[in-house]
Amino acid sequence: MDRTRIVQLPLVMSLAATCSLAPQALKAAAPQASASATASAPLRVDRRDPALDQIVPAGAQLERVATGFKWVEGPVWSNGSLYFAEIPSNRILKWTPGQGVTTFLHPSGYKGTLPYTGPESGSNGMTLDVRGRLTVAGHAQRDVYRMESLAPNAQITILADSFQSKQLNSPNDLVYRSDGSLYFTDPPYGLQTQKDTDPAKQLKVNGVYRIPGALGQKPGASPNRSALQLLISDLPRPNGIAFSPDEKYLYVSNSEPKKIWMRYRVLPNGKLTDAKLLYDATSDPRPGGPDGMKVDEKGYIYSAGPGGVWILSPDGKLLGVLSVPERVANVAWGDTDHKMLYITASSSVYRVHLNIAGAPIVRSR
């Protein structure tokens, strides 16, 4: 195997050394970025295939743009800002270049009156529909909801909250198809014990679902619960989800116990067939596992994985890993050229500029 590593240990270690945060700081105030949060170092690359050179430019820099969090997830770029979830503090945050981080929405997930004893009380993955509305995996709120405008006081529309009269586990990540349907994963990570034996868990499966006609659901209307479709029921921990640019395939990552990525062929009616194991990283001992992912306009897959961001070809060849000094949760494309890959990783948000633009997450027919 051909591997070339670009290593600048002092700089990378300095990035990692500033990424911790005492839990009491999270309780004291909303997480904030400051000028001292910005740092950069040469990107370390675990190169597995020469095709990676078309993706990662020579001299690429890994830049940390915000830090001081506990566990960040679900990034999405909209109107010149990055929105992302800080799950343990139950917030959606907003980072704007030159302005730093502000709280966009709190609470974003759990709204119960009793204390939340689990580790992940907030929302998780986010995406946009063709009308620019933010759609959120409610996670500890155990639903999928849409904000009717990009404002903290926006009207909220619940798109899904149960399947066959049983409450969802904790929706984790989500993606729209161009027909207006919405696909989402539903592992138990937002439950208070995060286990299948959690007393609040009503569904036996940790499924992947489809909401037909989600785009057309009227603002404030109740979800069409009888229409929700269970598409995948045999993955123990489905997590990240993304379509290929042509929507012929749906990719789903599974976090544990096996660290795998799956590919499914999408039928004209939106259902799935031809399940294929795309890649198995179970034997990789580095921190992290398959989690949130996106694709670029050529169909390459970028996913959280052991040691950083994994880049896979559409047929499952590992091209390389972008090393990140913290456990990676998710990624998103941003900036005007759509070539900036934003990375949410434990206590920080990073970014790296690449050669290929990301495929749009908003598609319409």
Protein backbone atom coordinates (compact mmCIF):
# COMPACT_ATOMS: atom_id res chain seq x y z
CA MET A 1 0.00 0.00 0.00
CA ASP A 2 1.31 3.43 -0.98
CA ARG A 3 1.11 5.78 2.01
CA THR A 4 2.59 9.28 2.16
CA ARG A 5 2.30 11.23 5.40
CA ILE A 6 2.81 14.96 5.73
CA VAL A 7 3.73 15.39 9.39
CA GLN A 8 4.27 18.56 11.39
CA LEU A 9 4.04 17.17 14.92
CA PRO A 10 4.58 20.33 16.97
CA LEU A 11 1.81 22.21 15.19
CA VAL A 12 -0.61 19.30 15.19
CA MET A 13 0.04 18.67 18.87
CA SER A 14 -0.59 22.32 19.60
CA LEU A 15 -3.97 22.05 17.90
CA ALA A 16 -4.89 19.02 19.95
CA ALA A 17 -3.63 20.48 23.22
CA THR A 18 -6.10 23.37 23.09
CA CYS A 19 -9.18 21.23 22.46
CA SER A 20 -10.27 20.37 26.00
CA LEU A 21 -13.01 22.08 27.98
CA ALA A 22 -14.04 21.61 31.59
CA PRO A 23 -17.70 20.46 31.83
CA GLN A 24 -18.55 23.30 34.22
CA ALA A 25 -17.68 25.81 31.47
CA LEU A 26 -20.48 24.38 29.37
CA LYS A 27 -22.94 24.90 32.21
CA ALA A 28 -21.79 28.42 32.91
CA ALA A 29 -22.42 29.94 29.50
CA ALA A 30 -23.05 29.26 25.85
CA PRO A 31 -19.93 28.02 24.05
CA GLN A 32 -18.12 30.90 22.39
CA ALA A 33 -15.24 31.09 19.95
CA SER A 34 -12.56 33.73 20.24
CA ALA A 35 -9.66 34.99 18.19
CA SER A 36 -7.40 32.54 19.99
CA ALA A 37 -9.53 29.67 18.63
CA THR A 38 -8.08 30.09 15.14
CA ALA A 39 -5.07 27.92 14.41
CA SER A 40 -3.74 26.06 11.39
CA ALA A 41 -1.22 23.37 10.56
CA PRO A 42 -0.26 21.39 7.46
CA LEU A 43 -2.85 18.72 6.83
CA ARG A 44 -1.67 15.21 7.67
CA VAL A 45 -2.80 12.76 5.01
CA ASP A 46 -2.93 8.98 5.18
CA ARG A 47 -2.70 8.36 1.44
CA ARG A 48 -4.01 5.03 0.18
CA ASP A 49 -4.52 5.69 -3.53
CA PRO A 50 -2.98 8.13 -6.07
CA ALA A 51 -6.49 9.39 -6.91
CA LEU A 52 -6.38 11.30 -3.61
CA ASP A 53 -3.99 13.78 -5.23
CA GLN A 54 -6.86 15.04 -7.40
CA ILE A 55 -8.84 15.84 -4.25
CA VAL A 56 -6.32 17.18 -1.74
CA PRO A 57 -4.17 20.09 -2.96
CA ALA A 58 -0.45 20.20 -2.24
CA GLY A 59 0.22 22.20 0.91
CA ALA A 60 -3.34 21.88 2.22
CA GLN A 61 -3.86 23.39 5.68
CA LEU A 62 -6.12 22.10 8.44
CA GLU A 63 -7.57 25.19 10.10
CA ARG A 64 -9.39 25.23 13.42
CA VAL A 65 -11.99 28.00 13.34
CA ALA A 66 -13.78 27.46 16.67
CA THR A 67 -13.15 25.51 19.85
CA GLY A 68 -14.30 25.20 23.46
CA PHE A 69 -17.11 22.68 23.07
CA LYS A 70 -17.81 19.18 24.35
CA TRP A 71 -19.29 17.33 21.36
CA VAL A 72 -20.21 19.09 18.11
CA GLU A 73 -22.23 17.56 15.28
CA GLY A 74 -24.59 18.15 12.38
CA PRO A 75 -22.94 21.00 10.41
CA VAL A 76 -24.73 22.74 7.56
CA TRP A 77 -23.75 25.88 5.61
CA SER A 78 -26.38 28.50 4.85
CA ASN A 79 -26.28 32.20 3.93
CA GLY A 80 -22.61 32.65 4.73
CA SER A 81 -22.64 30.92 8.11
CA LEU A 82 -22.08 27.44 9.51
CA TYR A 83 -24.80 26.04 11.75
CA PHE A 84 -23.89 23.09 13.98
CA ALA A 85 -25.16 21.27 17.05
CA GLU A 86 -23.41 21.25 20.42
CA ILE A 87 -25.33 18.24 21.66
CA PRO A 88 -24.47 18.13 25.39
CA SER A 89 -25.42 21.79 25.89
CA ASN A 90 -28.70 21.29 23.96
CA ARG A 91 -27.90 24.07 21.47
CA ILE A 92 -27.60 24.82 17.79
CA LEU A 93 -24.74 27.25 17.28
CA LYS A 94 -23.89 29.59 14.42
CA TRP A 95 -20.38 30.44 13.27
CA THR A 96 -19.87 33.36 10.88
CA PRO A 97 -16.44 34.30 9.48
CA GLY A 98 -15.14 37.38 11.25
CA GLN A 99 -17.86 37.26 13.88
CA GLY A 100 -17.29 33.97 15.70
CA VAL A 101 -19.86 31.74 17.40
CA THR A 102 -23.28 32.66 18.75
CA THR A 103 -26.15 30.58 20.08
CA PHE A 104 -28.81 30.16 17.40
CA LEU A 105 -31.31 27.92 19.21
CA HIS A 106 -31.62 26.70 22.80
CA PRO A 107 -33.03 24.22 23.66
CA SER A 108 -32.65 22.41 20.36
CA GLY A 109 -33.59 18.93 21.56
CA TYR A 110 -34.79 17.80 24.97
CA LYS A 111 -37.50 20.05 26.45
CA GLY A 112 -38.71 17.89 29.30
CA THR A 113 -39.24 19.17 32.83
CA LEU A 114 -37.24 16.40 34.53
CA PRO A 115 -33.41 16.55 34.49
CA TYR A 116 -31.86 14.86 31.49
CA THR A 117 -29.38 12.28 32.78
CA GLY A 118 -27.96 11.12 29.44
CA PRO A 119 -24.91 12.54 27.66
CA GLU A 120 -26.66 13.89 24.53
CA SER A 121 -29.61 16.15 25.34
CA GLY A 122 -29.61 18.25 22.19
CA SER A 123 -30.36 17.94 18.49
CA ASN A 124 -28.07 16.21 16.00
CA GLY A 125 -27.84 16.25 12.19
CA MET A 126 -29.24 19.07 10.06
CA THR A 127 -29.96 19.71 6.40
CA LEU A 128 -31.80 22.20 4.17
CA ASP A 129 -34.73 21.75 1.83
CA VAL A 130 -35.08 23.51 -1.54
CA ARG A 131 -36.84 26.42 0.17
CA GLY A 132 -33.89 27.00 2.49
CA ARG A 133 -35.69 25.71 5.57
CA LEU A 134 -33.56 24.07 8.23
CA THR A 135 -34.55 20.46 8.94
CA VAL A 136 -33.24 18.97 12.18
CA ALA A 137 -32.81 15.49 13.65
CA GLY A 138 -34.28 16.21 17.08
CA HIS A 139 -32.22 13.42 18.70
CA ALA A 140 -33.09 13.65 22.43
CA GLN A 141 -36.42 15.22 21.41
CA ARG A 142 -37.07 11.96 19.51
CA ASP A 143 -38.44 13.53 16.36
CA VAL A 144 -37.55 15.22 13.09
CA TYR A 145 -38.55 18.87 12.82
CA ARG A 146 -38.39 21.73 10.34
CA MET A 147 -37.92 25.42 11.05
CA GLU A 148 -40.13 27.43 8.72
CA SER A 149 -37.57 30.23 8.51
CA LEU A 150 -33.92 30.57 9.43
CA ALA A 151 -34.65 32.41 12.66
CA PRO A 152 -34.53 31.26 16.28
CA ASN A 153 -38.21 32.10 16.78
CA ALA A 154 -39.33 30.33 13.60
CA GLN A 155 -42.46 28.21 13.50
CA ILE A 156 -41.64 24.53 14.10
CA THR A 157 -43.19 21.74 12.05
CA ILE A 158 -42.80 18.14 13.27
CA LEU A 159 -42.19 15.90 10.26
CA ALA A 160 -41.92 12.56 12.09
CA ASP A 161 -42.15 11.41 15.71
CA SER A 162 -43.38 7.81 15.68
CA PHE A 163 -43.60 4.64 13.63
CA GLN A 164 -46.62 2.33 13.91
CA SER A 165 -47.72 4.20 17.06
CA LYS A 166 -44.34 3.72 18.76
CA GLN A 167 -42.08 6.66 19.55
CA LEU A 168 -38.91 7.01 17.47
CA ASN A 169 -35.61 6.25 19.19
CA SER A 170 -33.57 9.42 18.53
CA PRO A 171 -33.23 10.60 14.92
CA ASN A 172 -29.56 11.13 14.15
CA ASP A 173 -28.93 12.32 10.59
CA LEU A 174 -31.02 13.12 7.54
CA VAL A 175 -31.03 13.93 3.83
CA TYR A 176 -33.61 15.06 1.27
CA ARG A 177 -34.19 13.42 -2.10
CA SER A 178 -35.16 15.58 -5.05
CA ASP A 179 -38.72 14.20 -4.99
CA GLY A 180 -39.25 16.01 -1.69
CA SER A 181 -39.01 12.93 0.51
CA LEU A 182 -36.75 12.89 3.56
CA TYR A 183 -34.57 9.97 4.72
CA PHE A 184 -33.25 9.69 8.28
CA THR A 185 -31.43 7.31 10.61
CA ASP A 186 -32.73 6.41 14.06
CA PRO A 187 -30.20 4.82 16.46
CA PRO A 188 -30.61 5.10 20.27
CA TYR A 189 -27.77 7.57 20.98
CA GLY A 190 -30.17 10.29 22.11
CA LEU A 191 -31.77 8.08 24.74
CA GLN A 192 -30.53 8.55 28.27
CA THR A 193 -28.66 5.20 28.44
CA GLN A 194 -27.94 5.03 24.68
CA LYS A 195 -28.70 1.29 24.82
CA ASP A 196 -31.27 -0.99 23.20
CA THR A 197 -32.40 -1.88 26.72
CA ASP A 198 -33.24 1.72 27.59
CA PRO A 199 -36.64 1.71 29.33
CA ALA A 200 -37.85 4.53 27.06
CA LYS A 201 -37.05 2.65 23.84
CA GLN A 202 -40.28 1.52 22.20
CA LEU A 203 -39.04 0.27 18.81
CA LYS A 204 -37.08 -2.96 18.54
CA VAL A 205 -35.21 -1.81 15.44
CA ASN A 206 -32.72 1.00 14.90
CA GLY A 207 -34.01 1.88 11.51
CA VAL A 208 -33.56 4.02 8.43
CA TYR A 209 -36.80 5.71 7.44
CA ARG A 210 -38.34 7.67 4.58
CA ILE A 211 -40.93 10.45 4.94
CA PRO A 212 -42.74 10.70 1.57
CA GLY A 213 -43.74 14.24 0.68
CA ALA A 214 -41.89 15.85 3.58
CA LEU A 215 -41.22 18.96 1.50
CA GLY A 216 -44.91 19.53 0.94
CA GLN A 217 -46.06 19.15 4.54
CA LYS A 218 -47.84 22.35 5.49
CA PRO A 219 -46.24 24.55 8.15
CA GLY A 220 -47.47 23.57 11.59
CA ALA A 221 -49.37 20.52 10.33
CA SER A 222 -49.13 17.24 12.21
CA PRO A 223 -46.96 14.55 10.63
CA ASN A 224 -48.57 11.95 8.39
CA ARG A 225 -47.58 9.14 10.74
CA SER A 226 -49.18 6.36 8.71
CA ALA A 227 -47.05 7.26 5.67
CA LEU A 228 -43.65 6.83 7.35
CA GLN A 229 -41.70 3.99 5.71
CA LEU A 230 -39.14 1.75 7.42
CA LEU A 231 -36.55 1.02 4.73
CA ILE A 232 -33.65 -0.59 6.62
CA SER A 233 -34.04 -2.62 9.82
CA ASP A 234 -30.91 -4.79 10.01
CA LEU A 235 -28.22 -2.25 10.95
CA PRO A 236 -27.44 -2.16 14.69
CA ARG A 237 -26.35 1.51 14.73
CA PRO A 238 -27.25 3.38 11.52
CA ASN A 239 -25.76 6.84 11.64
CA GLY A 240 -24.64 9.06 8.72
CA ILE A 241 -26.64 9.18 5.50
CA ALA A 242 -26.08 10.69 2.02
CA PHE A 243 -27.16 10.27 -1.60
CA SER A 244 -24.86 9.90 -4.57
CA PRO A 245 -25.05 13.02 -6.80
CA ASP A 246 -27.34 11.24 -9.28
CA GLU A 247 -29.43 9.78 -6.43
CA LYS A 248 -29.02 6.26 -7.79
CA TYR A 249 -27.52 5.18 -4.47
CA LEU A 250 -28.04 5.89 -0.80
CA TYR A 251 -25.06 5.54 1.54
CA VAL A 252 -25.54 4.72 5.23
CA SER A 253 -22.80 4.41 7.83
CA ASN A 254 -23.02 2.06 10.80
CA SER A 255 -21.06 3.09 13.89
CA GLU A 256 -20.84 -0.11 15.93
CA PRO A 257 -20.16 -2.89 16.68
CA LYS A 258 -19.00 -3.15 13.08
CA LYS A 259 -17.57 0.05 11.59
CA ILE A 260 -19.01 -0.16 8.11
CA TRP A 261 -20.43 1.85 5.23
CA MET A 262 -23.33 0.42 3.22
CA ARG A 263 -24.65 1.27 -0.24
CA TYR A 264 -28.24 0.77 -1.43
CA ARG A 265 -29.74 1.19 -4.87
CA VAL A 266 -32.66 3.63 -4.86
CA LEU A 267 -35.78 2.51 -6.72
CA PRO A 268 -38.00 4.99 -8.58
CA ASN A 269 -40.55 4.86 -5.73
CA GLY A 270 -37.86 5.84 -3.22
CA LYS A 271 -37.47 2.44 -1.61
CA LEU A 272 -34.14 0.63 -1.44
CA THR A 273 -32.70 -2.60 -2.80
CA ASP A 274 -29.36 -4.33 -3.52
CA ALA A 275 -27.68 -3.73 -0.16
CA LYS A 276 -23.90 -3.81 -0.56
CA LEU A 277 -21.09 -3.56 1.98
CA LEU A 278 -19.07 -0.62 0.71
CA TYR A 279 -16.20 -0.71 3.24
CA ASP A 280 -15.43 -2.35 6.58
CA ALA A 281 -13.14 -0.41 8.95
CA THR A 282 -13.84 -2.52 12.04
CA SER A 283 -10.19 -3.53 12.42
CA ASP A 284 -8.93 0.08 12.42
CA PRO A 285 -7.90 0.89 16.03
CA ARG A 286 -7.83 4.68 15.69
CA PRO A 287 -10.39 6.74 17.64
CA GLY A 288 -13.74 7.26 15.98
CA GLY A 289 -16.05 5.37 13.69
CA PRO A 290 -18.31 5.80 10.66
CA ASP A 291 -20.59 8.77 11.31
CA GLY A 292 -21.81 11.79 9.33
CA MET A 293 -20.92 12.05 5.65
CA LYS A 294 -21.30 14.06 2.45
CA VAL A 295 -20.37 13.55 -1.21
CA ASP A 296 -18.66 15.81 -3.74
CA GLU A 297 -19.89 16.58 -7.25
CA LYS A 298 -17.84 13.69 -8.70
CA GLY A 299 -19.36 11.20 -6.28
CA TYR A 300 -16.49 10.74 -3.81
CA ILE A 301 -17.67 10.10 -0.25
CA TYR A 302 -16.31 12.06 2.75
CA SER A 303 -17.16 10.54 6.11
CA ALA A 304 -16.20 10.66 9.74
CA GLY A 305 -14.21 7.55 10.52
CA PRO A 306 -11.33 6.21 12.59
CA GLY A 307 -8.61 8.85 12.80
CA GLY A 308 -10.32 11.59 10.81
CA VAL A 309 -12.22 12.08 7.56
CA TRP A 310 -12.30 9.04 5.28
CA ILE A 311 -12.54 9.54 1.53
CA LEU A 312 -14.03 6.65 -0.43
CA SER A 313 -14.69 6.22 -4.12
CA PRO A 314 -18.31 5.51 -5.17
CA ASP A 315 -17.43 1.81 -5.51
CA GLY A 316 -15.90 1.59 -2.05
CA LYS A 317 -12.16 2.04 -2.57
CA LEU A 318 -10.44 3.85 0.28
CA LEU A 319 -8.49 6.74 -1.23
CA GLY A 320 -7.16 8.14 2.02
CA VAL A 321 -7.82 9.65 5.43
CA LEU A 322 -7.54 13.33 6.35
CA SER A 323 -6.07 13.14 9.84
CA VAL A 324 -7.80 15.26 12.49
CA PRO A 325 -6.47 15.57 16.07
CA GLU A 326 -9.90 14.91 17.60
CA ARG A 327 -12.66 12.37 17.07
CA VAL A 328 -14.65 13.45 14.00
CA ALA A 329 -18.46 13.46 14.06
CA ASN A 330 -19.59 14.97 10.76
CA VAL A 331 -18.70 17.13 7.75
CA ALA A 332 -20.31 19.78 5.53
CA TRP A 333 -19.43 21.76 2.41
CA GLY A 334 -19.31 25.53 2.66
CA ASP A 335 -18.01 28.89 1.44
CA THR A 336 -18.81 30.47 -1.90
CA ASP A 337 -16.92 27.96 -4.03
CA HIS A 338 -18.35 25.01 -2.06
CA LYS A 339 -14.87 23.48 -1.86
CA MET A 340 -14.32 24.14 1.83
CA LEU A 341 -14.94 21.03 3.92
CA TYR A 342 -16.03 21.89 7.45
CA ILE A 343 -15.41 19.23 10.09
CA THR A 344 -17.10 18.95 13.48
CA ALA A 345 -14.76 17.06 15.82
CA SER A 346 -15.33 16.73 19.56
CA SER A 347 -14.45 20.15 21.02
CA SER A 348 -13.71 22.01 17.78
CA VAL A 349 -14.75 22.94 14.26
CA TYR A 350 -12.07 22.56 11.58
CA ARG A 351 -11.96 23.22 7.86
CA VAL A 352 -9.79 22.34 4.88
CA HIS A 353 -9.97 23.65 1.33
CA LEU A 354 -10.08 20.88 -1.29
CA ASN A 355 -9.99 20.69 -5.09
CA ILE A 356 -13.48 19.36 -5.85
CA ALA A 357 -16.72 21.13 -4.96
CA GLY A 358 -19.25 19.37 -2.80
CA ALA A 359 -22.46 18.07 -4.30
CA PRO A 360 -25.39 20.27 -3.29
CA ILE A 361 -27.44 18.91 -0.39
CA VAL A 362 -30.47 20.72 -1.81
CA ARG A 363 -31.85 19.02 -4.91
CA SER A 364 -35.04 19.66 -6.87
CA ARG A 365 -36.63 18.13 -9.92
